[in-house]
Amino acid sequence: MKLNPGIVTSKLKETKEFYVGKLGFQIVFENDWYILLSTPNGKHEISFLLPELPSQNSAFQKEYSGFGMYLTIETEDVDLLYSELKKKNLSILLDLKEEEWGDRHFAISDPNGIGIDFVKYTAPVSA
């Protein structure tokens, strides 16, 4: 199995500009109502679909409402990525932080209101 999350959004253009222009994702496939993107390393994909398309089943027509979802993107150099994204003037929801359970991470939001947590997993901090 392969997981490919899909988000229904009317902000297809803004979403493409954000993921491709700001985060370095690659376009795998695109048409007027759908876009499939891959992470910069090509290992994972995410798709975005316009709402209320008559060609789509009703389960895929309602637009994402902006609550109850987040993405986690694991990265080897979270400090460098944090610095790069700050230079691109992205709004940081959570500044770079080391958690006691071992995560070193920060968070931003995409044009659809989806929180994106960039994380480097490390061993928990000892007391």
N, C-alpha and C. Protein backbone atom coordinates (compact mmCIF):
# COMPACT_ATOMS: atom_id res chain seq x y z
N MET A 1 0.83 -1.18 0.00
CA MET A 1 0.00 0.00 0.00
C MET A 1 0.87 1.24 0.00
N LYS A 2 0.30 2.30 -0.55
CA LYS A 2 0.96 3.60 -0.57
C LYS A 2 -0.08 4.63 -0.15
N LEU A 3 0.26 5.49 0.78
CA LEU A 3 -0.65 6.52 1.26
C LEU A 3 -0.43 7.80 0.47
N ASN A 4 -1.52 8.38 -0.04
CA ASN A 4 -1.47 9.65 -0.76
C ASN A 4 -2.62 10.49 -0.24
N PRO A 5 -2.38 11.36 0.76
CA PRO A 5 -3.47 12.19 1.26
C PRO A 5 -3.96 13.14 0.17
N GLY A 6 -5.26 13.36 0.15
CA GLY A 6 -5.86 14.29 -0.79
C GLY A 6 -6.69 15.32 -0.05
N ILE A 7 -6.56 16.57 -0.44
CA ILE A 7 -7.28 17.66 0.21
C ILE A 7 -8.12 18.36 -0.84
N VAL A 8 -9.40 18.54 -0.53
CA VAL A 8 -10.32 19.24 -1.43
C VAL A 8 -10.26 20.71 -1.07
N THR A 9 -9.91 21.55 -2.05
CA THR A 9 -9.73 22.98 -1.81
C THR A 9 -10.06 23.82 -3.03
N SER A 10 -10.63 24.99 -2.79
CA SER A 10 -10.86 25.94 -3.88
C SER A 10 -9.60 26.77 -4.13
N LYS A 11 -8.59 26.62 -3.29
CA LYS A 11 -7.35 27.40 -3.39
C LYS A 11 -6.25 26.61 -4.09
N LEU A 12 -6.59 26.03 -5.22
CA LEU A 12 -5.64 25.18 -5.95
C LEU A 12 -4.39 25.96 -6.37
N LYS A 13 -4.58 27.15 -6.92
CA LYS A 13 -3.45 27.97 -7.40
C LYS A 13 -2.54 28.37 -6.24
N GLU A 14 -3.13 28.89 -5.15
CA GLU A 14 -2.35 29.31 -3.99
C GLU A 14 -1.61 28.13 -3.36
N THR A 15 -2.30 26.99 -3.32
CA THR A 15 -1.71 25.78 -2.74
C THR A 15 -0.50 25.33 -3.57
N LYS A 16 -0.65 25.33 -4.87
CA LYS A 16 0.46 24.96 -5.76
C LYS A 16 1.64 25.91 -5.56
N GLU A 17 1.38 27.21 -5.55
CA GLU A 17 2.44 28.20 -5.37
C GLU A 17 3.17 27.99 -4.04
N PHE A 18 2.42 27.67 -3.00
CA PHE A 18 3.00 27.47 -1.67
C PHE A 18 3.89 26.22 -1.64
N TYR A 19 3.34 25.07 -2.03
CA TYR A 19 4.09 23.82 -1.91
C TYR A 19 5.26 23.76 -2.90
N VAL A 20 5.07 24.26 -4.11
CA VAL A 20 6.13 24.23 -5.11
C VAL A 20 7.12 25.37 -4.88
N GLY A 21 6.60 26.60 -4.76
CA GLY A 21 7.46 27.77 -4.65
C GLY A 21 8.15 27.94 -3.31
N LYS A 22 7.47 27.61 -2.23
CA LYS A 22 8.03 27.82 -0.89
C LYS A 22 8.69 26.58 -0.31
N LEU A 23 8.10 25.41 -0.56
CA LEU A 23 8.60 24.18 0.06
C LEU A 23 9.39 23.28 -0.88
N GLY A 24 9.43 23.60 -2.17
CA GLY A 24 10.24 22.82 -3.10
C GLY A 24 9.64 21.52 -3.57
N PHE A 25 8.32 21.34 -3.39
CA PHE A 25 7.65 20.13 -3.89
C PHE A 25 7.69 20.15 -5.42
N GLN A 26 7.52 18.97 -6.02
CA GLN A 26 7.54 18.82 -7.48
C GLN A 26 6.15 18.46 -7.98
N ILE A 27 5.81 18.96 -9.16
CA ILE A 27 4.52 18.61 -9.78
C ILE A 27 4.67 17.25 -10.46
N VAL A 28 3.83 16.30 -10.06
CA VAL A 28 3.81 14.97 -10.66
C VAL A 28 2.77 14.96 -11.78
N PHE A 29 1.60 15.54 -11.50
CA PHE A 29 0.52 15.63 -12.48
C PHE A 29 -0.33 16.84 -12.14
N GLU A 30 -0.86 17.49 -13.19
CA GLU A 30 -1.70 18.66 -12.97
C GLU A 30 -2.69 18.82 -14.12
N ASN A 31 -3.91 19.19 -13.78
CA ASN A 31 -4.86 19.63 -14.78
C ASN A 31 -5.64 20.81 -14.17
N ASP A 32 -6.76 21.20 -14.75
CA ASP A 32 -7.48 22.38 -14.28
C ASP A 32 -8.12 22.20 -12.91
N TRP A 33 -8.34 20.97 -12.48
CA TRP A 33 -9.07 20.74 -11.24
C TRP A 33 -8.36 19.83 -10.23
N TYR A 34 -7.14 19.41 -10.55
CA TYR A 34 -6.41 18.47 -9.69
C TYR A 34 -4.91 18.69 -9.83
N ILE A 35 -4.21 18.54 -8.71
CA ILE A 35 -2.75 18.60 -8.77
C ILE A 35 -2.19 17.53 -7.82
N LEU A 36 -1.20 16.80 -8.31
CA LEU A 36 -0.50 15.79 -7.52
C LEU A 36 0.94 16.27 -7.37
N LEU A 37 1.39 16.40 -6.12
CA LEU A 37 2.72 16.89 -5.83
C LEU A 37 3.52 15.84 -5.09
N SER A 38 4.84 15.88 -5.26
CA SER A 38 5.71 15.00 -4.47
C SER A 38 6.63 15.86 -3.62
N THR A 39 7.07 15.26 -2.51
CA THR A 39 8.03 15.94 -1.66
C THR A 39 9.32 16.15 -2.46
N PRO A 40 10.17 17.07 -2.02
CA PRO A 40 11.40 17.34 -2.78
C PRO A 40 12.24 16.10 -3.07
N ASN A 41 12.23 15.12 -2.17
CA ASN A 41 13.01 13.90 -2.41
C ASN A 41 12.24 12.87 -3.25
N GLY A 42 11.00 13.17 -3.60
CA GLY A 42 10.20 12.28 -4.44
C GLY A 42 9.63 11.06 -3.75
N LYS A 43 9.79 10.94 -2.44
CA LYS A 43 9.36 9.73 -1.73
C LYS A 43 7.87 9.72 -1.39
N HIS A 44 7.27 10.89 -1.23
CA HIS A 44 5.88 10.96 -0.78
C HIS A 44 5.09 11.93 -1.64
N GLU A 45 3.78 11.70 -1.72
CA GLU A 45 2.92 12.54 -2.55
C GLU A 45 1.71 13.03 -1.76
N ILE A 46 1.18 14.15 -2.22
CA ILE A 46 -0.04 14.73 -1.69
C ILE A 46 -0.80 15.33 -2.86
N SER A 47 -2.13 15.24 -2.81
CA SER A 47 -2.92 15.76 -3.93
C SER A 47 -3.94 16.77 -3.44
N PHE A 48 -4.36 17.63 -4.36
CA PHE A 48 -5.35 18.66 -4.08
C PHE A 48 -6.36 18.66 -5.21
N LEU A 49 -7.63 18.78 -4.85
CA LEU A 49 -8.74 18.64 -5.77
C LEU A 49 -9.73 19.78 -5.56
N LEU A 50 -10.24 20.34 -6.64
CA LEU A 50 -11.27 21.38 -6.52
C LEU A 50 -12.56 20.78 -5.95
N PRO A 51 -13.33 21.55 -5.18
CA PRO A 51 -14.59 21.05 -4.63
C PRO A 51 -15.72 21.06 -5.65
N GLU A 52 -16.77 20.32 -5.30
CA GLU A 52 -18.04 20.33 -6.04
C GLU A 52 -17.92 19.96 -7.52
N LEU A 53 -17.00 19.06 -7.84
CA LEU A 53 -16.87 18.61 -9.23
C LEU A 53 -17.91 17.53 -9.50
N PRO A 54 -18.77 17.75 -10.50
CA PRO A 54 -19.82 16.76 -10.79
C PRO A 54 -19.26 15.39 -11.19
N SER A 55 -18.02 15.36 -11.69
CA SER A 55 -17.42 14.09 -12.10
C SER A 55 -16.93 13.27 -10.91
N GLN A 56 -16.89 13.86 -9.73
CA GLN A 56 -16.39 13.17 -8.55
C GLN A 56 -17.54 12.68 -7.67
N ASN A 57 -17.31 11.57 -7.00
CA ASN A 57 -18.26 11.03 -6.05
C ASN A 57 -18.50 12.07 -4.95
N SER A 58 -19.68 12.07 -4.36
CA SER A 58 -20.01 13.06 -3.33
C SER A 58 -19.04 13.03 -2.15
N ALA A 59 -18.40 11.91 -1.89
CA ALA A 59 -17.42 11.81 -0.81
C ALA A 59 -16.20 12.70 -1.05
N PHE A 60 -15.99 13.11 -2.31
CA PHE A 60 -14.82 13.90 -2.67
C PHE A 60 -15.20 15.30 -3.14
N GLN A 61 -16.37 15.78 -2.77
CA GLN A 61 -16.83 17.08 -3.26
C GLN A 61 -16.75 18.21 -2.25
N LYS A 62 -16.90 17.91 -0.98
CA LYS A 62 -16.93 18.97 0.03
C LYS A 62 -15.53 19.49 0.32
N GLU A 63 -15.42 20.82 0.38
CA GLU A 63 -14.14 21.46 0.63
C GLU A 63 -13.68 21.28 2.07
N TYR A 64 -12.38 21.12 2.25
CA TYR A 64 -11.78 21.03 3.59
C TYR A 64 -12.18 22.28 4.37
N SER A 65 -12.63 22.11 5.61
CA SER A 65 -13.17 23.21 6.39
C SER A 65 -12.14 23.96 7.24
N GLY A 66 -10.89 23.52 7.22
CA GLY A 66 -9.86 24.26 7.93
C GLY A 66 -9.55 23.79 9.34
N PHE A 67 -10.14 22.69 9.79
CA PHE A 67 -9.91 22.22 11.15
C PHE A 67 -9.70 20.71 11.18
N GLY A 68 -8.92 20.25 12.16
CA GLY A 68 -8.82 18.83 12.43
C GLY A 68 -7.84 18.06 11.57
N MET A 69 -6.86 18.74 10.98
CA MET A 69 -5.87 18.04 10.16
C MET A 69 -4.53 18.73 10.29
N TYR A 70 -3.47 17.94 10.27
CA TYR A 70 -2.12 18.49 10.19
C TYR A 70 -1.25 17.52 9.42
N LEU A 71 -0.14 18.01 8.92
CA LEU A 71 0.84 17.19 8.24
C LEU A 71 2.14 17.24 9.03
N THR A 72 2.84 16.14 9.10
CA THR A 72 4.16 16.10 9.70
C THR A 72 5.14 15.75 8.59
N ILE A 73 6.17 16.57 8.46
CA ILE A 73 7.21 16.31 7.47
C ILE A 73 8.52 16.15 8.22
N GLU A 74 9.07 14.96 8.12
CA GLU A 74 10.34 14.66 8.79
C GLU A 74 11.49 15.16 7.93
N THR A 75 12.46 15.79 8.57
CA THR A 75 13.61 16.33 7.85
C THR A 75 14.88 16.08 8.64
N GLU A 76 15.99 15.91 7.94
CA GLU A 76 17.27 15.65 8.60
C GLU A 76 17.84 16.90 9.26
N ASP A 77 17.64 18.08 8.64
CA ASP A 77 18.21 19.32 9.18
C ASP A 77 17.10 20.33 9.40
N VAL A 78 16.39 20.17 10.52
CA VAL A 78 15.25 21.03 10.83
C VAL A 78 15.69 22.48 11.08
N ASP A 79 16.90 22.66 11.61
CA ASP A 79 17.41 24.01 11.87
C ASP A 79 17.63 24.77 10.56
N LEU A 80 18.23 24.11 9.59
CA LEU A 80 18.46 24.74 8.29
C LEU A 80 17.14 25.06 7.60
N LEU A 81 16.21 24.12 7.61
CA LEU A 81 14.91 24.34 6.99
C LEU A 81 14.17 25.50 7.65
N TYR A 82 14.22 25.56 8.96
CA TYR A 82 13.60 26.67 9.70
C TYR A 82 14.17 28.01 9.23
N SER A 83 15.47 28.08 9.14
CA SER A 83 16.15 29.31 8.69
C SER A 83 15.74 29.67 7.26
N GLU A 84 15.69 28.67 6.37
CA GLU A 84 15.32 28.91 4.97
C GLU A 84 13.89 29.41 4.84
N LEU A 85 12.97 28.80 5.58
CA LEU A 85 11.56 29.19 5.48
C LEU A 85 11.30 30.55 6.11
N LYS A 86 12.04 30.89 7.15
CA LYS A 86 11.92 32.23 7.75
C LYS A 86 12.35 33.30 6.73
N LYS A 87 13.40 33.01 5.95
CA LYS A 87 13.87 33.95 4.92
C LYS A 87 12.82 34.15 3.83
N LYS A 88 11.93 33.17 3.65
CA LYS A 88 10.86 33.28 2.64
C LYS A 88 9.62 33.96 3.21
N ASN A 89 9.76 34.51 4.42
CA ASN A 89 8.69 35.26 5.08
C ASN A 89 7.42 34.45 5.31
N LEU A 90 7.58 33.18 5.61
CA LEU A 90 6.43 32.37 5.96
C LEU A 90 6.06 32.63 7.40
N SER A 91 4.79 32.61 7.68
CA SER A 91 4.32 32.80 9.04
C SER A 91 4.60 31.54 9.85
N ILE A 92 5.35 31.68 10.91
CA ILE A 92 5.72 30.55 11.76
C ILE A 92 4.68 30.42 12.88
N LEU A 93 4.01 29.28 12.96
CA LEU A 93 3.02 29.05 14.01
C LEU A 93 3.68 28.64 15.32
N LEU A 94 4.74 27.86 15.22
CA LEU A 94 5.49 27.38 16.37
C LEU A 94 6.97 27.54 16.05
N ASP A 95 7.65 28.38 16.83
CA ASP A 95 9.08 28.56 16.61
C ASP A 95 9.83 27.27 16.90
N LEU A 96 11.02 27.17 16.33
CA LEU A 96 11.86 26.00 16.50
C LEU A 96 12.01 25.68 17.98
N LYS A 97 11.74 24.43 18.31
CA LYS A 97 11.67 24.04 19.72
C LYS A 97 12.12 22.60 19.87
N GLU A 98 12.78 22.32 20.98
CA GLU A 98 13.15 20.95 21.30
C GLU A 98 12.23 20.46 22.42
N GLU A 99 11.56 19.35 22.18
CA GLU A 99 10.61 18.81 23.15
C GLU A 99 11.30 17.79 24.04
N GLU A 100 10.79 17.61 25.24
CA GLU A 100 11.39 16.67 26.18
C GLU A 100 11.31 15.23 25.69
N TRP A 101 10.35 14.93 24.81
CA TRP A 101 10.24 13.56 24.29
C TRP A 101 11.14 13.33 23.09
N GLY A 102 11.89 14.37 22.66
CA GLY A 102 12.91 14.17 21.65
C GLY A 102 12.70 14.89 20.33
N ASP A 103 11.50 15.35 20.03
CA ASP A 103 11.29 16.06 18.76
C ASP A 103 11.97 17.43 18.80
N ARG A 104 12.59 17.78 17.70
CA ARG A 104 13.02 19.17 17.47
C ARG A 104 12.21 19.59 16.27
N HIS A 105 11.37 20.61 16.43
CA HIS A 105 10.42 20.91 15.37
C HIS A 105 9.97 22.36 15.38
N PHE A 106 9.29 22.72 14.28
CA PHE A 106 8.61 24.00 14.16
C PHE A 106 7.40 23.77 13.26
N ALA A 107 6.48 24.73 13.25
CA ALA A 107 5.26 24.54 12.47
C ALA A 107 4.89 25.81 11.71
N ILE A 108 4.30 25.59 10.53
CA ILE A 108 3.74 26.66 9.70
C ILE A 108 2.34 26.23 9.28
N SER A 109 1.67 27.07 8.50
CA SER A 109 0.34 26.74 7.99
C SER A 109 0.33 26.93 6.48
N ASP A 110 -0.36 26.05 5.77
CA ASP A 110 -0.48 26.19 4.32
C ASP A 110 -1.67 27.11 3.99
N PRO A 111 -1.91 27.44 2.73
CA PRO A 111 -3.00 28.35 2.36
C PRO A 111 -4.40 27.85 2.74
N ASN A 112 -4.52 26.57 3.05
CA ASN A 112 -5.80 26.00 3.41
C ASN A 112 -6.02 25.94 4.92
N GLY A 113 -5.05 26.42 5.69
CA GLY A 113 -5.14 26.38 7.13
C GLY A 113 -4.66 25.08 7.74
N ILE A 114 -3.98 24.26 6.94
CA ILE A 114 -3.46 22.99 7.43
C ILE A 114 -2.10 23.25 8.09
N GLY A 115 -1.98 22.87 9.35
CA GLY A 115 -0.71 23.00 10.05
C GLY A 115 0.29 21.99 9.53
N ILE A 116 1.52 22.46 9.32
CA ILE A 116 2.59 21.57 8.87
C ILE A 116 3.69 21.61 9.91
N ASP A 117 3.96 20.46 10.50
CA ASP A 117 4.97 20.32 11.54
C ASP A 117 6.22 19.71 10.92
N PHE A 118 7.29 20.48 10.87
CA PHE A 118 8.57 19.98 10.37
C PHE A 118 9.36 19.48 11.56
N VAL A 119 9.79 18.23 11.52
CA VAL A 119 10.38 17.62 12.70
C VAL A 119 11.64 16.82 12.38
N LYS A 120 12.55 16.85 13.32
CA LYS A 120 13.72 15.96 13.33
C LYS A 120 13.57 15.15 14.61
N TYR A 121 13.43 13.85 14.47
CA TYR A 121 13.27 12.98 15.62
C TYR A 121 14.66 12.70 16.22
N THR A 122 14.76 12.91 17.52
CA THR A 122 16.01 12.65 18.24
C THR A 122 15.68 11.90 19.53
N ALA A 123 16.70 11.49 20.23
CA ALA A 123 16.50 10.81 21.52
C ALA A 123 15.94 11.82 22.52
N PRO A 124 15.09 11.36 23.42
CA PRO A 124 14.54 12.26 24.45
C PRO A 124 15.64 12.91 25.29
N VAL A 125 15.37 14.15 25.71
CA VAL A 125 16.31 14.88 26.55
C VAL A 125 16.30 14.26 27.95
N SER A 126 17.46 13.94 28.47
CA SER A 126 17.56 13.33 29.81
C SER A 126 17.50 14.42 30.87
N ALA A 127 16.95 14.06 32.01
CA ALA A 127 16.85 15.01 33.12
C ALA A 127 18.08 14.96 33.98
